[in-house]
Protein backbone atom coordinates (compact mmCIF):
# COMPACT_ATOMS: atom_id res chain seq x y z
CA UNK A 1 -43.45 30.17 -23.89
CA UNK A 2 -41.96 31.30 -20.65
CA UNK A 3 -41.13 34.53 -22.49
CA UNK A 4 -44.91 35.02 -23.45
CA UNK A 5 -45.98 34.78 -19.52
CA UNK A 6 -47.34 30.82 -19.76
CA UNK A 7 -45.99 29.14 -16.74
CA UNK A 8 -44.50 25.97 -18.30
CA UNK A 9 -42.95 22.62 -17.13
CA UNK A 10 -41.51 20.52 -19.53
CA UNK A 11 -41.65 16.85 -18.48
CA UNK A 12 -39.04 14.44 -20.56
CA UNK A 13 -36.26 12.00 -20.20
CA UNK A 14 -32.49 12.93 -19.72
CA UNK A 15 -30.94 13.11 -23.00
CA UNK A 16 -28.60 10.41 -23.32
CA UNK A 17 -26.12 12.06 -25.80
CA UNK A 18 -24.39 14.59 -23.36
CA UNK A 19 -25.64 17.84 -21.60
CA UNK A 20 -28.21 20.08 -22.60
CA UNK A 21 -28.54 23.80 -21.67
CA UNK A 22 -30.16 24.66 -18.52
CA UNK A 23 -33.81 25.51 -18.50
CA UNK A 24 -34.60 29.06 -19.24
CA UNK A 25 -37.76 30.70 -17.77
CA UNK A 26 -39.62 27.62 -17.74
CA UNK A 27 -39.41 24.06 -15.36
CA UNK A 28 -37.36 20.47 -16.15
CA UNK A 29 -38.47 17.68 -14.62
CA UNK A 30 -37.00 14.40 -16.18
CA UNK A 31 -39.76 11.36 -14.85
CA UNK A 32 -39.48 8.73 -17.70
CA UNK A 33 -36.83 6.40 -18.53
CA UNK A 34 -34.70 7.20 -15.51
CA UNK A 35 -33.55 3.86 -15.14
CA UNK A 36 -32.22 3.41 -18.98
CA UNK A 37 -29.32 1.62 -19.25
CA UNK A 38 -27.28 0.17 -22.62
CA UNK A 39 -26.55 2.18 -25.57
CA UNK A 40 -28.85 4.62 -27.13
CA UNK A 41 -30.51 2.98 -29.73
CA UNK A 42 -29.32 -0.56 -28.78
CA UNK A 43 -31.97 -3.41 -27.88
CA UNK A 44 -30.89 -3.50 -23.78
CA UNK A 45 -31.88 0.51 -23.64
CA UNK A 46 -35.09 0.12 -25.67
CA UNK A 47 -36.01 -2.79 -23.48
CA UNK A 48 -35.18 -0.36 -20.12
CA UNK A 49 -37.24 1.88 -21.03
CA UNK A 50 -40.17 -0.21 -22.68
CA UNK A 51 -40.38 -2.04 -19.03
CA UNK A 52 -40.66 1.56 -17.58
CA UNK A 53 -43.05 3.07 -19.75
CA UNK A 54 -46.32 2.57 -18.34
CA UNK A 55 -45.54 3.12 -14.72
CA UNK A 56 -43.76 5.93 -16.16
CA UNK A 57 -46.69 7.64 -17.78
CA UNK A 58 -48.68 7.29 -14.90
CA UNK A 59 -46.21 8.95 -13.01
CA UNK A 60 -46.76 11.33 -15.61
CA UNK A 61 -51.10 12.05 -15.58
CA UNK A 62 -50.54 12.54 -11.78
CA UNK A 63 -47.99 15.68 -12.29
CA UNK A 64 -50.19 16.99 -14.50
CA UNK A 65 -53.47 16.93 -12.63
CA UNK A 66 -52.47 20.58 -12.08
CA UNK A 67 -51.94 21.82 -15.63
CA UNK A 68 -54.39 24.25 -17.31
CA UNK A 69 -53.58 22.69 -20.70
CA UNK A 70 -51.42 19.39 -21.79
CA UNK A 71 -49.36 19.56 -24.40
CA UNK A 72 -47.88 16.20 -25.95
CA UNK A 73 -44.82 16.51 -28.45
CA UNK A 74 -44.56 12.91 -28.78
CA UNK A 75 -45.91 9.59 -27.96
CA UNK A 76 -43.74 6.50 -27.30
CA UNK A 77 -45.69 3.87 -27.81
CA UNK A 78 -48.87 5.28 -29.30
CA UNK A 79 -50.90 1.91 -29.06
CA UNK A 80 -50.64 2.42 -25.06
CA UNK A 81 -50.81 5.73 -24.57
CA UNK A 82 -54.08 6.31 -25.87
CA UNK A 83 -55.10 4.57 -23.05
CA UNK A 84 -52.94 6.39 -20.78
CA UNK A 85 -53.25 10.00 -21.59
CA UNK A 86 -54.06 12.63 -18.34
CA UNK A 87 -57.74 13.21 -17.07
CA UNK A 88 -59.63 16.08 -19.17
CA UNK A 89 -61.17 16.85 -16.06
CA UNK A 90 -59.06 19.83 -14.24
CA UNK A 91 -58.85 20.55 -10.77
CA UNK A 92 -61.79 23.34 -10.60
CA UNK A 93 -64.24 20.70 -12.76
CA UNK A 94 -63.52 22.12 -15.87
CA UNK A 95 -62.23 20.32 -18.93
CA UNK A 96 -58.67 20.21 -19.25
CA UNK A 97 -57.79 20.65 -23.03
CA UNK A 98 -55.11 17.69 -24.41
CA UNK A 99 -53.25 18.81 -27.27
CA UNK A 100 -50.65 16.87 -29.58
CA UNK A 101 -48.50 18.14 -32.06
CA UNK A 102 -47.94 15.80 -34.70
CA UNK A 103 -44.15 15.49 -35.97
CA UNK A 104 -44.84 12.72 -37.83
CA UNK A 105 -47.83 12.60 -39.00
CA UNK A 106 -48.86 9.05 -40.33
CA UNK A 107 -46.70 5.29 -40.63
CA UNK A 108 -44.81 5.55 -43.39
CA UNK A 109 -45.81 1.63 -44.36
CA UNK A 110 -48.74 1.65 -42.16
CA UNK A 111 -50.23 -2.37 -41.48
CA UNK A 112 -53.36 -3.01 -41.87
CA UNK A 113 -55.69 -0.93 -39.45
CA UNK A 114 -52.88 0.78 -38.59
CA UNK A 115 -54.46 4.58 -39.90
CA UNK A 116 -57.82 4.11 -38.21
CA UNK A 117 -55.32 3.54 -35.04
CA UNK A 118 -54.11 6.57 -35.54
CA UNK A 119 -57.43 8.43 -36.19
CA UNK A 120 -59.10 6.86 -32.92
CA UNK A 121 -55.52 8.14 -31.19
CA UNK A 122 -56.09 12.03 -32.72
CA UNK A 123 -59.62 12.12 -31.92
CA UNK A 124 -58.85 11.67 -27.80
CA UNK A 125 -57.05 14.90 -28.05
CA UNK A 126 -58.60 18.41 -28.60
CA UNK A 127 -56.18 19.92 -31.46
CA UNK A 128 -53.75 18.78 -33.28
CA UNK A 129 -50.91 21.16 -33.80
CA UNK A 130 -48.81 20.48 -37.08
CA UNK A 131 -46.36 21.96 -39.08
CA UNK A 132 -47.20 22.86 -42.27
CA UNK A 133 -50.26 23.49 -44.62
CA UNK A 134 -48.94 20.03 -46.61
CA UNK A 135 -49.57 18.18 -43.08
CA UNK A 136 -53.10 19.87 -41.99
CA UNK A 137 -54.35 18.89 -45.93
CA UNK A 138 -53.17 15.13 -45.09
CA UNK A 139 -54.60 14.61 -41.63
CA UNK A 140 -57.60 16.24 -43.54
CA UNK A 141 -57.58 13.88 -46.23
CA UNK A 142 -55.91 10.61 -45.35
CA UNK A 143 -57.11 10.54 -41.64
CA UNK A 144 -60.89 12.40 -42.02
CA UNK A 145 -59.85 14.71 -38.59
CA UNK A 146 -62.30 17.49 -38.44
CA UNK A 147 -60.78 20.88 -40.00
CA UNK A 148 -61.41 23.00 -36.89
CA UNK A 149 -59.40 20.47 -34.59
CA UNK A 150 -55.73 20.53 -36.84
CA UNK A 151 -54.12 23.63 -36.31
CA UNK A 152 -50.78 24.74 -38.17
CA UNK A 153 -48.34 26.43 -36.39
CA UNK A 154 -44.63 25.96 -38.08
CA UNK A 155 -41.29 24.32 -36.30
CA UNK A 156 -39.76 27.04 -34.88
CA UNK A 157 -36.19 28.32 -35.86
CA UNK A 158 -33.10 26.30 -33.46
CA UNK A 159 -31.93 30.55 -32.62
CA UNK A 160 -30.09 29.19 -29.72
CA UNK A 161 -27.83 27.45 -31.36
CA UNK A 162 -26.42 30.56 -33.87
CA UNK A 163 -27.22 33.08 -30.99
CA UNK A 164 -23.99 32.57 -29.21
CA UNK A 165 -22.51 35.03 -26.01
CA UNK A 166 -19.50 37.18 -28.01
CA UNK A 167 -16.22 35.00 -27.56
CA UNK A 168 -18.01 31.74 -27.09
CA UNK A 169 -15.93 28.90 -28.40
CA UNK A 170 -16.85 27.22 -31.16
CA UNK A 171 -15.33 23.42 -31.95
CA UNK A 172 -14.34 23.72 -35.86
CA UNK A 173 -15.11 20.92 -37.86
CA UNK A 174 -12.18 18.09 -37.91
CA UNK A 175 -11.88 18.25 -41.87
CA UNK A 176 -10.58 21.79 -43.17
CA UNK A 177 -10.77 22.73 -46.72
CA UNK A 178 -10.60 25.81 -49.04
CA UNK A 179 -13.66 24.78 -51.31
CA UNK A 180 -17.15 25.48 -50.91
CA UNK A 181 -18.83 22.78 -48.82
CA UNK A 182 -22.15 20.92 -49.02
CA UNK A 183 -23.14 19.99 -45.55
CA UNK A 184 -25.94 17.36 -45.02
CA UNK A 185 -26.85 16.73 -41.77
CA UNK A 186 -28.72 15.25 -39.45
CA UNK A 187 -29.38 11.05 -38.55
CA UNK A 188 -28.86 8.95 -41.78
CA UNK A 189 -32.04 7.54 -42.30
CA UNK A 190 -33.19 5.71 -45.53
CA UNK A 191 -36.09 8.27 -46.21
CA UNK A 192 -33.59 11.22 -46.06
CA UNK A 193 -32.23 10.67 -49.56
CA UNK A 194 -28.45 10.13 -49.05
CA UNK A 195 -27.89 8.13 -51.69
CA UNK A 196 -29.70 10.16 -54.60
CA UNK A 197 -27.68 13.00 -53.43
CA UNK A 198 -23.97 10.59 -53.95
CA UNK A 199 -25.18 9.74 -57.52
CA UNK A 200 -26.15 13.60 -57.89
CA UNK A 201 -22.66 14.13 -56.65
CA UNK A 202 -21.06 11.57 -58.51
CA UNK A 203 -23.09 12.42 -61.68
CA UNK A 204 -25.80 10.25 -63.40
CA UNK A 205 -27.37 9.54 -66.78
CA UNK A 206 -26.07 7.01 -69.46
CA UNK A 207 -22.99 5.07 -70.30
CA UNK A 208 -22.00 7.22 -73.13
CA UNK A 209 -19.99 10.36 -71.70
CA UNK A 210 -21.50 12.30 -73.71
CA UNK A 211 -25.18 11.53 -72.11
CA UNK A 212 -23.38 11.37 -68.30
CA UNK A 213 -23.72 14.87 -66.12
CA UNK A 214 -20.55 16.42 -64.95
CA UNK A 215 -19.43 15.16 -61.37
CA UNK A 216 -19.15 18.04 -58.94
CA UNK A 217 -15.10 18.12 -58.36
CA UNK A 218 -14.59 21.76 -57.30
CA UNK A 219 -16.92 21.47 -53.65
CA UNK A 220 -16.75 19.21 -50.96
CA UNK A 221 -19.71 17.43 -49.32
CA UNK A 222 -19.33 16.41 -45.76
CA UNK A 223 -22.68 13.94 -44.82
CA UNK A 224 -22.58 14.25 -41.10
CA UNK A 225 -24.76 12.64 -38.31
CA UNK A 226 -25.33 9.34 -36.74
CA UNK A 227 -26.44 6.33 -39.18
CA UNK A 228 -29.85 4.84 -38.58
CA UNK A 229 -29.06 2.47 -41.50
CA UNK A 230 -26.06 0.20 -42.98
CA UNK A 231 -24.06 2.97 -45.16
CA UNK A 232 -20.86 0.93 -46.38
CA UNK A 233 -21.95 0.74 -49.95
CA UNK A 234 -22.49 4.53 -49.59
CA UNK A 235 -19.20 5.22 -47.92
CA UNK A 236 -17.15 2.64 -50.37
CA UNK A 237 -18.65 4.32 -53.57
CA UNK A 238 -18.53 8.07 -52.52
CA UNK A 239 -15.37 10.06 -54.59
CA UNK A 240 -12.53 11.43 -52.48
CA UNK A 241 -14.67 14.77 -52.16
CA UNK A 242 -17.35 13.03 -49.75
CA UNK A 243 -16.82 13.27 -45.95
CA UNK A 244 -18.55 11.32 -43.82
CA UNK A 245 -18.92 12.07 -39.69
CA UNK A 246 -20.63 9.10 -38.32
CA UNK A 247 -21.48 10.09 -35.00
CA UNK A 248 -23.94 11.87 -32.77
CA UNK A 249 -22.83 16.12 -33.44
CA UNK A 250 -23.36 17.68 -30.10
CA UNK A 251 -24.59 21.77 -29.97
CA UNK A 252 -20.67 22.94 -29.79
CA UNK A 253 -19.54 21.02 -32.93
CA UNK A 254 -22.96 21.78 -34.52
CA UNK A 255 -22.40 25.33 -34.96
CA UNK A 256 -18.95 25.07 -36.67
CA UNK A 257 -19.99 22.57 -39.21
CA UNK A 258 -23.14 25.04 -40.02
CA UNK A 259 -20.85 28.24 -39.59
CA UNK A 260 -18.59 26.41 -42.02
CA UNK A 261 -21.47 25.56 -44.99
CA UNK A 262 -21.61 27.27 -48.04
CA UNK A 263 -25.17 25.44 -48.54
CA UNK A 264 -27.18 23.34 -47.14
CA UNK A 265 -28.84 20.43 -48.75
CA UNK A 266 -32.14 18.10 -47.90
CA UNK A 267 -32.39 15.32 -50.39
CA UNK A 268 -35.45 13.86 -48.56
CA UNK A 269 -37.81 11.04 -50.27
CA UNK A 270 -40.49 12.04 -47.83
CA UNK A 271 -41.02 14.26 -44.97
CA UNK A 272 -43.53 17.13 -43.88
CA UNK A 273 -40.92 19.45 -41.88
CA UNK A 274 -37.13 19.14 -40.85
CA UNK A 275 -34.88 20.17 -37.58
CA UNK A 276 -32.42 20.51 -39.37
CA UNK A 277 -34.19 22.74 -42.51
CA UNK A 278 -35.00 24.97 -39.00
CA UNK A 279 -31.29 24.96 -37.77
CA UNK A 280 -29.93 26.21 -41.21
CA UNK A 281 -32.69 28.99 -41.38
CA UNK A 282 -30.97 30.08 -37.60
CA UNK A 283 -27.51 30.20 -39.35
CA UNK A 284 -28.99 32.15 -42.54
CA UNK A 285 -27.63 29.43 -44.77
CA UNK A 286 -29.16 28.69 -48.18
CA UNK A 287 -31.22 26.15 -48.61
CA UNK A 288 -30.98 23.10 -51.33
CA UNK A 289 -34.76 21.12 -51.10
CA UNK A 290 -36.55 18.37 -52.36
CA UNK A 291 -40.29 19.12 -52.84
CA UNK A 292 -41.65 16.90 -50.12
CA UNK A 293 -44.41 17.88 -47.69
CA UNK A 294 -44.18 21.19 -46.51
CA UNK A 295 -40.28 22.38 -47.69
CA UNK A 296 -42.45 24.09 -50.91
CA UNK A 297 -43.85 26.81 -48.03
CA UNK A 298 -39.90 27.29 -47.06
CA UNK A 299 -38.85 27.65 -50.32
CA UNK A 300 -41.66 30.12 -51.35
CA UNK A 301 -40.34 32.69 -49.08
CA UNK A 302 -37.05 32.75 -50.86
CA UNK A 303 -35.16 30.95 -48.37
CA UNK A 304 -34.31 27.50 -50.48
CA UNK A 305 -34.25 26.92 -53.73
CA UNK A 306 -36.19 23.23 -54.81
CA UNK A 307 -35.25 20.64 -56.49
CA UNK A 308 -38.00 17.49 -57.79
CA UNK A 309 -37.39 14.54 -54.84
CA UNK A 310 -35.62 11.44 -56.00
CA UNK A 311 -34.53 13.19 -59.02
CA UNK A 312 -30.44 12.97 -58.92
CA UNK A 313 -30.42 14.77 -62.43
CA UNK A 314 -31.94 17.36 -61.22
CA UNK A 315 -30.44 17.97 -57.71
CA UNK A 316 -26.90 18.04 -59.46
CA UNK A 317 -27.77 20.27 -62.22
CA UNK A 318 -28.74 22.44 -59.23
CA UNK A 319 -25.90 22.20 -57.23
CA UNK A 320 -23.97 22.50 -59.87
CA UNK A 321 -25.60 25.94 -60.48
CA UNK A 322 -26.03 27.47 -57.33
CA UNK A 323 -22.12 26.18 -56.25
CA UNK A 324 -21.00 28.42 -59.58
CA UNK A 325 -22.90 31.36 -58.56
CA UNK A 326 -21.96 33.11 -54.85
CA UNK A 327 -24.68 36.28 -56.15
CA UNK A 328 -27.78 33.74 -55.78
CA UNK A 329 -26.63 32.14 -52.88
CA UNK A 330 -25.84 35.12 -51.01
CA UNK A 331 -29.43 35.96 -52.16
CA UNK A 332 -30.98 32.66 -50.88
CA UNK A 333 -29.15 33.17 -47.35
CA UNK A 334 -30.79 37.04 -47.12
CA UNK A 335 -34.42 35.55 -47.82
CA UNK A 336 -33.17 32.67 -44.77
CA UNK A 337 -32.42 35.02 -42.42
CA UNK A 338 -35.35 37.42 -42.88
CA UNK A 339 -37.74 33.47 -42.63
CA UNK A 340 -36.08 32.77 -38.98
CA UNK A 341 -36.71 36.62 -37.60
CA UNK A 342 -40.53 36.60 -39.29
CA UNK A 343 -42.45 34.17 -39.47
CA UNK A 344 -40.75 31.13 -37.88
CA UNK A 345 -39.29 33.41 -34.90
CA UNK A 346 -40.15 31.79 -31.70
CA UNK A 347 -42.01 35.13 -30.90
CA UNK A 348 -44.45 34.23 -33.54
CA UNK A 349 -44.87 31.01 -32.52
CA UNK A 350 -45.48 31.49 -29.14
CA UNK A 351 -48.10 34.11 -29.63
CA UNK A 352 -49.70 31.59 -32.28
CA UNK A 353 -49.67 28.63 -29.60
CA UNK A 354 -50.79 30.85 -26.60
CA UNK A 355 -53.51 31.92 -28.91
CA UNK A 356 -54.54 28.06 -29.46
CA UNK A 357 -54.48 27.55 -25.67
CA UNK A 358 -56.83 30.08 -25.18
CA UNK A 359 -59.52 29.45 -27.70
CA UNK A 360 -59.47 25.70 -26.05
C-alpha cells in the first residue's frame, strides 16, 4: 500500500517465532501484548495476552484517532472488541470508515447465538473484505449482510518469500531425496485434511488387493509445520516415504521446502482461502486442492488441479496421475506464475484496496 500512495501504519504485536523483515514504505508499531511471556500457544502466554488485551485495545483507539481509515485484519477477542473499536468520527468531524478483513468468515462449529453475535460485529464496520466470491456468498446467505457492504479483494501472493536478492542463502531442507517431493505445509489442524492425505498416500479401498488402490511409493510426502493437534497416531501409521517436520519453519527455511517441492497439496476439509496456497503461487508451484471455499476460483485459473474434499481415493488417483506427468505439472506451474503476476499480485490488490477506501 505504501508503494501505491497511501501512508500506512501497521499496529501489531511482536512476532513470537523469530525476526521479521524491516518495514518497507510503511510504519510498524508493536503496541499489543508487549509483556506476553511463556511458550507461544501455551496457557501462560494466552493468560498474559488476555490480561493485556483491553488496555492494548484502548491504546490502539488513541493511536487510531489520526487515521483516515481504520482497517482491522484480525479481532482477537471478538465479543469484547465489538465494544472497543475506534471512534468513527475523524479529527475534522467527518466520518472515519472502519474496515474488517474476514479471514475466518464464521465459526466452524457455532454455539447458540454465535452467528447473531457475528452479525452484530460485522455490522459495526462500514465494509467487510473477503478473499473469495465464495466468502462473499456465505456472508450474504448465512449472516444476512447487505451486498454493498461485502467486498471481494483476493489474498495476495507472498512474493517476498520467493523474491530474494541474488546470492541470498536458502536453508536446505533437512531431508534430501532424488524422488519427486509432494509438500503439505502449514499449521497442522484437523480441518487441514492431513489424515485424508495419508490415507490417499497409503492407498484406500476394500480389504482385497483387487479393490485396494496402490500406495504411492515412487515419491516422498513432506508434512511440514507446527502441530495444533495430536499427530502421534498419524506419524505411527505413515509409511516410510512420509517425512514429518513438526515445528515452526521460518522464512529462510520455508524457501528451501517450496523450491524443492514438485507439487504442493492442500487437502483441506474446509477453508475460504489459505496463505500456504498463495505462498505456493509465489514460488510458481503446481497445486492440488480440495474443492472447498474459494479454492475452485484458483483452480479456474489453471494454477491448480482439484479433487473432492474428504475423498482419499480421488486424491490418491490424482496424486499418482500428476506425479507421472511432468508435462502436466509444468503446465500448471506456468499458470501459477501467471496468476501470481496477474490477478493475485499486490499491485492489483493495493489498487483495489485504495479504491475501496476512497469509495468509503
